[in-house]
Amino acid sequence: MYARIATFEADPARADEAIAAARQQAESNWANPPEGLGTAKDLYMLIDGEHGRGLGITLWETEEDLQRGNEALNQMTPPAQGGRRTEVAIYEVALHKQR
């Protein structure tokens, strides 16, 4: 499994707006995925509203799926109130456990 982790920065005073905008965009894309996003397995959004930071973590089963998804996500622009994407990193998931 592979993970794409995008880091975001936003105005902490607009954290609630950023969360709402990210949820709306993610739900729209999850229900009707754009080309390259249909094979995403999981999506996590982690927010540090106090400091205006966030992480978007998307999991993919294969490296090929991740590459297609990464290209699609890199072409997307975060919603205005969602701040700006500051970094994208790719990882191989060495351990994934669920209860």
PDB file of N, CA and C in Angstrom:
ATOM      1  N   MET A   1       0.854  -1.166   0.000  1.00  0.00           N
ATOM      2  CA  MET A   1       0.000   0.000   0.000  1.00  0.00           C
ATOM      3  C   MET A   1       0.900   1.230   0.000  1.00  0.00           C
ATOM      4  N   TYR A   2       0.369   2.334  -0.550  1.00  0.00           N
ATOM      5  CA  TYR A   2       1.126   3.578  -0.686  1.00  0.00           C
ATOM      6  C   TYR A   2       0.300   4.751  -0.179  1.00  0.00           C
ATOM      7  N   ALA A   3       0.990   5.770   0.324  1.00  0.00           N
ATOM      8  CA  ALA A   3       0.315   6.943   0.871  1.00  0.00           C
ATOM      9  C   ALA A   3       0.858   8.206   0.210  1.00  0.00           C
ATOM     10  N   ARG A   4      -0.044   9.119  -0.082  1.00  0.00           N
ATOM     11  CA  ARG A   4       0.314  10.463  -0.534  1.00  0.00           C
ATOM     12  C   ARG A   4      -0.108  11.399   0.586  1.00  0.00           C
ATOM     13  N   ILE A   5       0.841  12.184   1.084  1.00  0.00           N
ATOM     14  CA  ILE A   5       0.564  13.091   2.191  1.00  0.00           C
ATOM     15  C   ILE A   5       0.820  14.514   1.726  1.00  0.00           C
ATOM     16  N   ALA A   6      -0.247  15.304   1.697  1.00  0.00           N
ATOM     17  CA  ALA A   6      -0.156  16.704   1.299  1.00  0.00           C
ATOM     18  C   ALA A   6      -0.273  17.565   2.552  1.00  0.00           C
ATOM     19  N   THR A   7       0.607  18.551   2.659  1.00  0.00           N
ATOM     20  CA  THR A   7       0.616  19.474   3.794  1.00  0.00           C
ATOM     21  C   THR A   7       0.016  20.800   3.357  1.00  0.00           C
ATOM     22  N   PHE A   8      -0.829  21.370   4.215  1.00  0.00           N
ATOM     23  CA  PHE A   8      -1.507  22.630   3.911  1.00  0.00           C
ATOM     24  C   PHE A   8      -1.289  23.632   5.029  1.00  0.00           C
ATOM     25  N   GLU A   9      -1.296  24.917   4.672  1.00  0.00           N
ATOM     26  CA  GLU A   9      -1.270  25.999   5.643  1.00  0.00           C
ATOM     27  C   GLU A   9      -2.424  26.932   5.330  1.00  0.00           C
ATOM     28  N   ALA A  10      -3.082  27.421   6.390  1.00  0.00           N
ATOM     29  CA  ALA A  10      -4.217  28.338   6.222  1.00  0.00           C
ATOM     30  C   ALA A  10      -4.263  29.284   7.413  1.00  0.00           C
ATOM     31  N   ASP A  11      -5.046  30.307   7.285  1.00  0.00           N
ATOM     32  CA  ASP A  11      -5.264  31.254   8.373  1.00  0.00           C
ATOM     33  C   ASP A  11      -6.012  30.530   9.495  1.00  0.00           C
ATOM     34  N   PRO A  12      -5.433  30.449  10.692  1.00  0.00           N
ATOM     35  CA  PRO A  12      -6.114  29.747  11.791  1.00  0.00           C
ATOM     36  C   PRO A  12      -7.510  30.307  12.085  1.00  0.00           C
ATOM     37  N   ALA A  13      -7.732  31.586  11.835  1.00  0.00           N
ATOM     38  CA  ALA A  13      -9.043  32.189  12.079  1.00  0.00           C
ATOM     39  C   ALA A  13     -10.097  31.635  11.124  1.00  0.00           C
ATOM     40  N   ARG A  14      -9.652  31.023  10.027  1.00  0.00           N
ATOM     41  CA  ARG A  14     -10.593  30.470   9.044  1.00  0.00           C
ATOM     42  C   ARG A  14     -10.593  28.943   9.050  1.00  0.00           C
ATOM     43  N   ALA A  15     -10.144  28.339  10.147  1.00  0.00           N
ATOM     44  CA  ALA A  15     -10.022  26.879  10.211  1.00  0.00           C
ATOM     45  C   ALA A  15     -11.354  26.183   9.947  1.00  0.00           C
ATOM     46  N   ASP A  16     -12.441  26.669  10.544  1.00  0.00           N
ATOM     47  CA  ASP A  16     -13.740  26.025  10.338  1.00  0.00           C
ATOM     48  C   ASP A  16     -14.171  26.099   8.878  1.00  0.00           C
ATOM     49  N   GLU A  17     -13.911  27.239   8.232  1.00  0.00           N
ATOM     50  CA  GLU A  17     -14.229  27.379   6.808  1.00  0.00           C
ATOM     51  C   GLU A  17     -13.389  26.416   5.977  1.00  0.00           C
ATOM     52  N   ALA A  18     -12.113  26.296   6.326  1.00  0.00           N
ATOM     53  CA  ALA A  18     -11.213  25.403   5.586  1.00  0.00           C
ATOM     54  C   ALA A  18     -11.679  23.957   5.704  1.00  0.00           C
ATOM     55  N   ILE A  19     -12.082  23.567   6.911  1.00  0.00           N
ATOM     56  CA  ILE A  19     -12.561  22.193   7.121  1.00  0.00           C
ATOM     57  C   ILE A  19     -13.825  21.944   6.305  1.00  0.00           C
ATOM     58  N   ALA A  20     -14.766  22.871   6.344  1.00  0.00           N
ATOM     59  CA  ALA A  20     -16.020  22.714   5.594  1.00  0.00           C
ATOM     60  C   ALA A  20     -15.747  22.619   4.095  1.00  0.00           C
ATOM     61  N   ALA A  21     -14.864  23.472   3.575  1.00  0.00           N
ATOM     62  CA  ALA A  21     -14.545  23.453   2.147  1.00  0.00           C
ATOM     63  C   ALA A  21     -13.858  22.150   1.756  1.00  0.00           C
ATOM     64  N   ALA A  22     -12.926  21.680   2.587  1.00  0.00           N
ATOM     65  CA  ALA A  22     -12.224  20.422   2.293  1.00  0.00           C
ATOM     66  C   ALA A  22     -13.197  19.243   2.325  1.00  0.00           C
ATOM     67  N   ARG A  23     -14.100  19.241   3.288  1.00  0.00           N
ATOM     68  CA  ARG A  23     -15.098  18.158   3.361  1.00  0.00           C
ATOM     69  C   ARG A  23     -15.983  18.137   2.119  1.00  0.00           C
ATOM     70  N   GLN A  24     -16.423  19.322   1.712  1.00  0.00           N
ATOM     71  CA  GLN A  24     -17.293  19.404   0.537  1.00  0.00           C
ATOM     72  C   GLN A  24     -16.568  18.908  -0.712  1.00  0.00           C
ATOM     73  N   GLN A  25     -15.325  19.354  -0.897  1.00  0.00           N
ATOM     74  CA  GLN A  25     -14.553  18.933  -2.071  1.00  0.00           C
ATOM     75  C   GLN A  25     -14.285  17.426  -2.023  1.00  0.00           C
ATOM     76  N   ALA A  26     -13.913  16.911  -0.849  1.00  0.00           N
ATOM     77  CA  ALA A  26     -13.605  15.483  -0.724  1.00  0.00           C
ATOM     78  C   ALA A  26     -14.845  14.627  -0.963  1.00  0.00           C
ATOM     79  N   GLU A  27     -15.976  15.027  -0.401  1.00  0.00           N
ATOM     80  CA  GLU A  27     -17.198  14.234  -0.587  1.00  0.00           C
ATOM     81  C   GLU A  27     -17.637  14.224  -2.040  1.00  0.00           C
ATOM     82  N   SER A  28     -17.504  15.354  -2.707  1.00  0.00           N
ATOM     83  CA  SER A  28     -17.844  15.424  -4.126  1.00  0.00           C
ATOM     84  C   SER A  28     -16.935  14.517  -4.944  1.00  0.00           C
ATOM     85  N   ASN A  29     -15.643  14.578  -4.651  1.00  0.00           N
ATOM     86  CA  ASN A  29     -14.676  13.769  -5.400  1.00  0.00           C
ATOM     87  C   ASN A  29     -14.775  12.292  -5.053  1.00  0.00           C
ATOM     88  N   TRP A  30     -15.198  11.957  -3.836  1.00  0.00           N
ATOM     89  CA  TRP A  30     -15.320  10.550  -3.440  1.00  0.00           C
ATOM     90  C   TRP A  30     -16.537   9.927  -4.120  1.00  0.00           C
ATOM     91  N   ALA A  31     -17.625  10.690  -4.209  1.00  0.00           N
ATOM     92  CA  ALA A  31     -18.851  10.184  -4.828  1.00  0.00           C
ATOM     93  C   ALA A  31     -18.717  10.105  -6.345  1.00  0.00           C
ATOM     94  N   ASN A  32     -18.067  11.065  -6.937  1.00  0.00           N
ATOM     95  CA  ASN A  32     -17.872  11.157  -8.387  1.00  0.00           C
ATOM     96  C   ASN A  32     -16.402  11.422  -8.666  1.00  0.00           C
ATOM     97  N   PRO A  33     -15.536  10.423  -8.521  1.00  0.00           N
ATOM     98  CA  PRO A  33     -14.103  10.690  -8.600  1.00  0.00           C
ATOM     99  C   PRO A  33     -13.649  11.126  -9.991  1.00  0.00           C
ATOM    100  N   PRO A  34     -12.828  12.187 -10.042  1.00  0.00           N
ATOM    101  CA  PRO A  34     -12.218  12.576 -11.302  1.00  0.00           C
ATOM    102  C   PRO A  34     -11.258  11.478 -11.775  1.00  0.00           C
ATOM    103  N   GLU A  35     -10.892  11.520 -13.025  1.00  0.00           N
ATOM    104  CA  GLU A  35      -9.938  10.569 -13.604  1.00  0.00           C
ATOM    105  C   GLU A  35      -8.710  10.471 -12.709  1.00  0.00           C
ATOM    106  N   GLY A  36      -8.333   9.249 -12.355  1.00  0.00           N
ATOM    107  CA  GLY A  36      -7.151   9.016 -11.543  1.00  0.00           C
ATOM    108  C   GLY A  36      -7.427   8.853 -10.058  1.00  0.00           C
ATOM    109  N   LEU A  37      -8.629   9.232  -9.596  1.00  0.00           N
ATOM    110  CA  LEU A  37      -8.914   9.148  -8.165  1.00  0.00           C
ATOM    111  C   LEU A  37      -9.840   7.985  -7.800  1.00  0.00           C
ATOM    112  N   GLY A  38     -10.336   7.286  -8.781  1.00  0.00           N
ATOM    113  CA  GLY A  38     -11.303   6.221  -8.532  1.00  0.00           C
ATOM    114  C   GLY A  38     -10.749   5.018  -7.788  1.00  0.00           C
ATOM    115  N   THR A  39      -9.427   4.869  -7.745  1.00  0.00           N
ATOM    116  CA  THR A  39      -8.844   3.707  -7.067  1.00  0.00           C
ATOM    117  C   THR A  39      -8.321   4.035  -5.669  1.00  0.00           C
ATOM    118  N   ALA A  40      -8.545   5.256  -5.185  1.00  0.00           N
ATOM    119  CA  ALA A  40      -8.117   5.617  -3.827  1.00  0.00           C
ATOM    120  C   ALA A  40      -8.851   4.733  -2.823  1.00  0.00           C
ATOM    121  N   LYS A  41      -8.138   4.232  -1.828  1.00  0.00           N
ATOM    122  CA  LYS A  41      -8.725   3.336  -0.825  1.00  0.00           C
ATOM    123  C   LYS A  41      -9.264   4.088   0.383  1.00  0.00           C
ATOM    124  N   ASP A  42      -8.503   5.018   0.902  1.00  0.00           N
ATOM    125  CA  ASP A  42      -8.882   5.756   2.099  1.00  0.00           C
ATOM    126  C   ASP A  42      -8.422   7.198   1.966  1.00  0.00           C
ATOM    127  N   LEU A  43      -9.129   8.075   2.664  1.00  0.00           N
ATOM    128  CA  LEU A  43      -8.776   9.493   2.689  1.00  0.00           C
ATOM    129  C   LEU A  43      -8.895   9.976   4.126  1.00  0.00           C
ATOM    130  N   TYR A  44      -7.854  10.623   4.610  1.00  0.00           N
ATOM    131  CA  TYR A  44      -7.849  11.204   5.954  1.00  0.00           C
ATOM    132  C   TYR A  44      -7.517  12.687   5.848  1.00  0.00           C
ATOM    133  N   MET A  45      -8.158  13.478   6.683  1.00  0.00           N
ATOM    134  CA  MET A  45      -7.847  14.901   6.776  1.00  0.00           C
ATOM    135  C   MET A  45      -7.546  15.174   8.244  1.00  0.00           C
ATOM    136  N   LEU A  46      -6.330  15.607   8.524  1.00  0.00           N
ATOM    137  CA  LEU A  46      -5.931  15.933   9.885  1.00  0.00           C
ATOM    138  C   LEU A  46      -5.728  17.437   9.969  1.00  0.00           C
ATOM    139  N   ILE A  47      -6.297  18.052  10.998  1.00  0.00           N
ATOM    140  CA  ILE A  47      -6.283  19.508  11.115  1.00  0.00           C
ATOM    141  C   ILE A  47      -5.718  19.933  12.461  1.00  0.00           C
ATOM    142  N   ASP A  48      -4.828  20.913  12.428  1.00  0.00           N
ATOM    143  CA  ASP A  48      -4.369  21.627  13.616  1.00  0.00           C
ATOM    144  C   ASP A  48      -4.888  23.046  13.440  1.00  0.00           C
ATOM    145  N   GLY A  49      -6.140  23.267  13.841  1.00  0.00           N
ATOM    146  CA  GLY A  49      -6.795  24.553  13.631  1.00  0.00           C
ATOM    147  C   GLY A  49      -6.137  25.696  14.372  1.00  0.00           C
ATOM    148  N   GLU A  50      -5.557  25.398  15.518  1.00  0.00           N
ATOM    149  CA  GLU A  50      -4.901  26.441  16.316  1.00  0.00           C
ATOM    150  C   GLU A  50      -3.722  27.070  15.570  1.00  0.00           C
ATOM    151  N   HIS A  51      -3.010  26.257  14.792  1.00  0.00           N
ATOM    152  CA  HIS A  51      -1.829  26.747  14.080  1.00  0.00           C
ATOM    153  C   HIS A  51      -2.034  26.866  12.569  1.00  0.00           C
ATOM    154  N   GLY A  52      -3.235  26.545  12.089  1.00  0.00           N
ATOM    155  CA  GLY A  52      -3.528  26.685  10.669  1.00  0.00           C
ATOM    156  C   GLY A  52      -2.797  25.687   9.784  1.00  0.00           C
ATOM    157  N   ARG A  53      -2.646  24.458  10.277  1.00  0.00           N
ATOM    158  CA  ARG A  53      -1.952  23.423   9.508  1.00  0.00           C
ATOM    159  C   ARG A  53      -2.876  22.235   9.281  1.00  0.00           C
ATOM    160  N   GLY A  54      -2.651  21.551   8.176  1.00  0.00           N
ATOM    161  CA  GLY A  54      -3.440  20.370   7.888  1.00  0.00           C
ATOM    162  C   GLY A  54      -2.665  19.368   7.061  1.00  0.00           C
ATOM    163  N   LEU A  55      -3.099  18.119   7.138  1.00  0.00           N
ATOM    164  CA  LEU A  55      -2.536  17.046   6.326  1.00  0.00           C
ATOM    165  C   LEU A  55      -3.679  16.342   5.611  1.00  0.00           C
ATOM    166  N   GLY A  56      -3.495  16.070   4.340  1.00  0.00           N
ATOM    167  CA  GLY A  56      -4.418  15.250   3.578  1.00  0.00           C
ATOM    168  C   GLY A  56      -3.702  13.958   3.238  1.00  0.00           C
ATOM    169  N   ILE A  57      -4.186  12.841   3.739  1.00  0.00           N
ATOM    170  CA  ILE A  57      -3.538  11.549   3.517  1.00  0.00           C
ATOM    171  C   ILE A  57      -4.462  10.690   2.675  1.00  0.00           C
ATOM    172  N   THR A  58      -3.966  10.236   1.547  1.00  0.00           N
ATOM    173  CA  THR A  58      -4.734   9.363   0.665  1.00  0.00           C
ATOM    174  C   THR A  58      -3.966   8.061   0.513  1.00  0.00           C
ATOM    175  N   LEU A  59      -4.662   6.928   0.670  1.00  0.00           N
ATOM    176  CA  LEU A  59      -4.034   5.615   0.557  1.00  0.00           C
ATOM    177  C   LEU A  59      -4.431   4.946  -0.756  1.00  0.00           C
ATOM    178  N   TRP A  60      -3.459   4.233  -1.333  1.00  0.00           N
ATOM    179  CA  TRP A  60      -3.626   3.557  -2.619  1.00  0.00           C
ATOM    180  C   TRP A  60      -3.074   2.144  -2.502  1.00  0.00           C
ATOM    181  N   GLU A  61      -3.693   1.203  -3.172  1.00  0.00           N
ATOM    182  CA  GLU A  61      -3.266  -0.194  -3.098  1.00  0.00           C
ATOM    183  C   GLU A  61      -1.964  -0.434  -3.859  1.00  0.00           C
ATOM    184  N   THR A  62      -1.801   0.174  -5.035  1.00  0.00           N
ATOM    185  CA  THR A  62      -0.603  -0.073  -5.845  1.00  0.00           C
ATOM    186  C   THR A  62       0.128   1.239  -6.135  1.00  0.00           C
ATOM    187  N   GLU A  63       1.396   1.120  -6.460  1.00  0.00           N
ATOM    188  CA  GLU A  63       2.190   2.296  -6.805  1.00  0.00           C
ATOM    189  C   GLU A  63       1.663   2.942  -8.082  1.00  0.00           C
ATOM    190  N   GLU A  64       1.199   2.129  -9.001  1.00  0.00           N
ATOM    191  CA  GLU A  64       0.629   2.660 -10.253  1.00  0.00           C
ATOM    192  C   GLU A  64      -0.623   3.495  -9.964  1.00  0.00           C
ATOM    193  N   ASP A  65      -1.503   2.997  -9.102  1.00  0.00           N
ATOM    194  CA  ASP A  65      -2.694   3.756  -8.715  1.00  0.00           C
ATOM    195  C   ASP A  65      -2.300   5.073  -8.050  1.00  0.00           C
ATOM    196  N   LEU A  66      -1.306   5.001  -7.172  1.00  0.00           N
ATOM    197  CA  LEU A  66      -0.839   6.204  -6.487  1.00  0.00           C
ATOM    198  C   LEU A  66      -0.318   7.230  -7.496  1.00  0.00           C
ATOM    199  N   GLN A  67       0.458   6.807  -8.472  1.00  0.00           N
ATOM    200  CA  GLN A  67       1.011   7.747  -9.455  1.00  0.00           C
ATOM    201  C   GLN A  67      -0.100   8.448 -10.238  1.00  0.00           C
ATOM    202  N   ARG A  68      -1.116   7.686 -10.654  1.00  0.00           N
ATOM    203  CA  ARG A  68      -2.246   8.299 -11.361  1.00  0.00           C
ATOM    204  C   ARG A  68      -2.990   9.279 -10.454  1.00  0.00           C
ATOM    205  N   GLY A  69      -3.221   8.864  -9.215  1.00  0.00           N
ATOM    206  CA  GLY A  69      -3.907   9.733  -8.264  1.00  0.00           C
ATOM    207  C   GLY A  69      -3.094  10.971  -7.926  1.00  0.00           C
ATOM    208  N   ASN A  70      -1.795  10.810  -7.774  1.00  0.00           N
ATOM    209  CA  ASN A  70      -0.925  11.942  -7.465  1.00  0.00           C
ATOM    210  C   ASN A  70      -0.974  12.975  -8.584  1.00  0.00           C
ATOM    211  N   GLU A  71      -0.928  12.518  -9.828  1.00  0.00           N
ATOM    212  CA  GLU A  71      -1.014  13.449 -10.966  1.00  0.00           C
ATOM    213  C   GLU A  71      -2.342  14.213 -10.931  1.00  0.00           C
ATOM    214  N   ALA A  72      -3.433  13.500 -10.671  1.00  0.00           N
ATOM    215  CA  ALA A  72      -4.750  14.147 -10.627  1.00  0.00           C
ATOM    216  C   ALA A  72      -4.824  15.154  -9.480  1.00  0.00           C
ATOM    217  N   LEU A  73      -4.368  14.769  -8.304  1.00  0.00           N
ATOM    218  CA  LEU A  73      -4.439  15.657  -7.140  1.00  0.00           C
ATOM    219  C   LEU A  73      -3.532  16.875  -7.300  1.00  0.00           C
ATOM    220  N   ASN A  74      -2.379  16.694  -7.935  1.00  0.00           N
ATOM    221  CA  ASN A  74      -1.476  17.825  -8.140  1.00  0.00           C
ATOM    222  C   ASN A  74      -2.086  18.890  -9.051  1.00  0.00           C
ATOM    223  N   GLN A  75      -3.009  18.486  -9.899  1.00  0.00           N
ATOM    224  CA  GLN A  75      -3.649  19.447 -10.803  1.00  0.00           C
ATOM    225  C   GLN A  75      -4.840  20.146 -10.158  1.00  0.00           C
ATOM    226  N   MET A  76      -5.268  19.651  -9.006  1.00  0.00           N
ATOM    227  CA  MET A  76      -6.395  20.267  -8.307  1.00  0.00           C
ATOM    228  C   MET A  76      -5.884  21.410  -7.432  1.00  0.00           C
ATOM    229  N   THR A  77      -6.706  22.442  -7.304  1.00  0.00           N
ATOM    230  CA  THR A  77      -6.377  23.580  -6.462  1.00  0.00           C
ATOM    231  C   THR A  77      -7.220  23.508  -5.200  1.00  0.00           C
ATOM    232  N   PRO A  78      -6.590  23.662  -4.034  1.00  0.00           N
ATOM    233  CA  PRO A  78      -7.400  23.661  -2.809  1.00  0.00           C
ATOM    234  C   PRO A  78      -8.400  24.813  -2.841  1.00  0.00           C
ATOM    235  N   PRO A  79      -9.565  24.647  -2.207  1.00  0.00           N
ATOM    236  CA  PRO A  79     -10.519  25.755  -2.120  1.00  0.00           C
ATOM    237  C   PRO A  79      -9.834  26.978  -1.495  1.00  0.00           C
ATOM    238  N   ALA A  80     -10.241  28.171  -1.898  1.00  0.00           N
ATOM    239  CA  ALA A  80      -9.592  29.407  -1.436  1.00  0.00           C
ATOM    240  C   ALA A  80      -9.469  29.459   0.078  1.00  0.00           C
ATOM    241  N   GLN A  81     -10.532  29.122   0.788  1.00  0.00           N
ATOM    242  CA  GLN A  81     -10.494  29.181   2.238  1.00  0.00           C
ATOM    243  C   GLN A  81      -9.714  28.011   2.833  1.00  0.00           C
ATOM    244  N   GLY A  82      -9.337  27.044   2.000  1.00  0.00           N
ATOM    245  CA  GLY A  82      -8.587  25.879   2.466  1.00  0.00           C
ATOM    246  C   GLY A  82      -7.110  26.132   2.601  1.00  0.00           C
ATOM    247  N   GLY A  83      -6.667  27.325   2.257  1.00  0.00           N
ATOM    248  CA  GLY A  83      -5.251  27.651   2.388  1.00  0.00           C
ATOM    249  C   GLY A  83      -4.469  27.231   1.161  1.00  0.00           C
ATOM    250  N   ARG A  84      -3.194  26.953   1.378  1.00  0.00           N
ATOM    251  CA  ARG A  84      -2.348  26.567   0.244  1.00  0.00           C
ATOM    252  C   ARG A  84      -1.610  25.283   0.564  1.00  0.00           C
ATOM    253  N   ARG A  85      -1.406  24.490  -0.479  1.00  0.00           N
ATOM    254  CA  ARG A  85      -0.653  23.246  -0.340  1.00  0.00           C
ATOM    255  C   ARG A  85       0.828  23.623  -0.298  1.00  0.00           C
ATOM    256  N   THR A  86       1.543  23.175   0.713  1.00  0.00           N
ATOM    257  CA  THR A  86       2.943  23.551   0.860  1.00  0.00           C
ATOM    258  C   THR A  86       3.916  22.423   0.546  1.00  0.00           C
ATOM    259  N   GLU A  87       3.431  21.175   0.587  1.00  0.00           N
ATOM    260  CA  GLU A  87       4.328  20.049   0.338  1.00  0.00           C
ATOM    261  C   GLU A  87       3.506  18.812   0.008  1.00  0.00           C
ATOM    262  N   VAL A  88       4.080  17.943  -0.802  1.00  0.00           N
ATOM    263  CA  VAL A  88       3.497  16.635  -1.083  1.00  0.00           C
ATOM    264  C   VAL A  88       4.605  15.604  -0.938  1.00  0.00           C
ATOM    265  N   ALA A  89       4.332  14.543  -0.195  1.00  0.00           N
ATOM    266  CA  ALA A  89       5.307  13.475  -0.004  1.00  0.00           C
ATOM    267  C   ALA A  89       4.628  12.133  -0.287  1.00  0.00           C
ATOM    268  N   ILE A  90       5.408  11.197  -0.768  1.00  0.00           N
ATOM    269  CA  ILE A  90       4.921   9.860  -1.103  1.00  0.00           C
ATOM    270  C   ILE A  90       5.646   8.854  -0.207  1.00  0.00           C
ATOM    271  N   TYR A  91       4.868   7.916   0.361  1.00  0.00           N
ATOM    272  CA  TYR A  91       5.446   6.899   1.232  1.00  0.00           C
ATOM    273  C   TYR A  91       4.901   5.531   0.866  1.00  0.00           C
ATOM    274  N   GLU A  92       5.696   4.508   1.096  1.00  0.00           N
ATOM    275  CA  GLU A  92       5.189   3.147   1.077  1.00  0.00           C
ATOM    276  C   GLU A  92       4.712   2.861   2.500  1.00  0.00           C
ATOM    277  N   VAL A  93       3.539   2.294   2.628  1.00  0.00           N
ATOM    278  CA  VAL A  93       2.979   2.008   3.949  1.00  0.00           C
ATOM    279  C   VAL A  93       3.581   0.681   4.429  1.00  0.00           C
ATOM    280  N   ALA A  94       4.397   0.752   5.472  1.00  0.00           N
ATOM    281  CA  ALA A  94       5.066  -0.429   5.994  1.00  0.00           C
ATOM    282  C   ALA A  94       4.188  -1.192   6.984  1.00  0.00           C
ATOM    283  N   LEU A  95       3.216  -0.504   7.585  1.00  0.00           N
ATOM    284  CA  LEU A  95       2.337  -1.140   8.558  1.00  0.00           C
ATOM    285  C   LEU A  95       0.986  -0.439   8.527  1.00  0.00           C
ATOM    286  N   HIS A  96      -0.080  -1.218   8.453  1.00  0.00           N
ATOM    287  CA  HIS A  96      -1.444  -0.675   8.455  1.00  0.00           C
ATOM    288  C   HIS A  96      -2.309  -1.658   9.216  1.00  0.00           C
ATOM    289  N   LYS A  97      -2.780  -1.270  10.397  1.00  0.00           N
ATOM    290  CA  LYS A  97      -3.620  -2.146  11.212  1.00  0.00           C
ATOM    291  C   LYS A  97      -4.932  -1.439  11.495  1.00  0.00           C
ATOM    292  N   GLN A  98      -5.981  -2.206  11.517  1.00  0.00           N
ATOM    293  CA  GLN A  98      -7.296  -1.693  11.862  1.00  0.00           C
ATOM    294  C   GLN A  98      -7.930  -2.613  12.886  1.00  0.00           C
ATOM    295  N   ARG A  99      -8.828  -2.047  13.671  1.00  0.00           N
ATOM    296  CA  ARG A  99      -9.583  -2.865  14.643  1.00  0.00           C
ATOM    297  C   ARG A  99     -10.960  -3.084  14.105  1.00  0.00           C
TER     298      ARG A  99
END
